[in-house]
């Protein structure tokens, strides 16, 4: 029986779900940067 921590026995669905999670995290981070661009720019200038 496979467990969550056992990546070697992952199913194709597990791999797809991991890809989806990664993409969602990437998009959320990008949206957060865009929303708070002025803060990031100010921090770069310090």
Protein backbone atom coordinates (compact mmCIF):
# COMPACT_ATOMS: atom_id res chain seq x y z
CA UNK A 1 0.00 0.00 0.00
CA UNK A 2 1.40 3.40 -1.01
CA UNK A 3 1.64 6.27 1.42
CA UNK A 4 1.73 9.99 0.77
CA UNK A 5 5.45 10.17 1.46
CA UNK A 6 6.27 7.30 -0.90
CA UNK A 7 6.97 9.10 -4.18
CA UNK A 8 8.34 6.05 -5.99
CA UNK A 9 4.91 4.38 -5.97
CA UNK A 10 3.03 7.48 -7.13
CA UNK A 11 0.30 7.09 -9.68
CA UNK A 12 0.00 9.22 -12.80
CA UNK A 13 -2.84 11.05 -11.04
CA UNK A 14 -0.51 11.89 -8.13
CA UNK A 15 1.99 13.36 -10.58
CA UNK A 16 -0.71 15.43 -12.28
CA UNK A 17 -1.99 16.70 -8.94
CA UNK A 18 1.54 17.68 -7.91
CA UNK A 19 1.95 19.59 -11.19
CA UNK A 20 -1.37 21.38 -10.63
CA UNK A 21 -0.37 22.32 -7.06
CA UNK A 22 2.96 23.68 -8.28
CA UNK A 23 1.26 25.75 -10.98
CA UNK A 24 -1.28 27.15 -8.50
CA UNK A 25 1.49 28.15 -6.09
CA UNK A 26 3.42 29.80 -8.94
CA UNK A 27 0.35 31.73 -10.09
CA UNK A 28 -0.54 32.82 -6.55
CA UNK A 29 3.01 34.08 -5.97
CA UNK A 30 2.99 35.95 -9.28
CA UNK A 31 -0.37 37.56 -8.51
CA UNK A 32 0.86 38.56 -5.05
CA UNK A 33 3.99 40.16 -6.53
CA UNK A 34 1.91 42.04 -9.07
CA UNK A 35 -0.55 43.22 -6.42
CA UNK A 36 2.24 44.45 -4.15
CA UNK A 37 4.68 45.59 -6.82
CA UNK A 38 5.30 48.98 -5.16
CA UNK A 39 6.47 47.27 -1.97
CA UNK A 40 8.87 45.00 -3.84
CA UNK A 41 10.22 47.95 -5.82
CA UNK A 42 10.74 49.97 -2.64
CA UNK A 43 12.59 47.10 -0.99
CA UNK A 44 14.89 46.76 -4.00
CA UNK A 45 15.78 50.46 -3.77
CA UNK A 46 16.90 50.26 -0.11
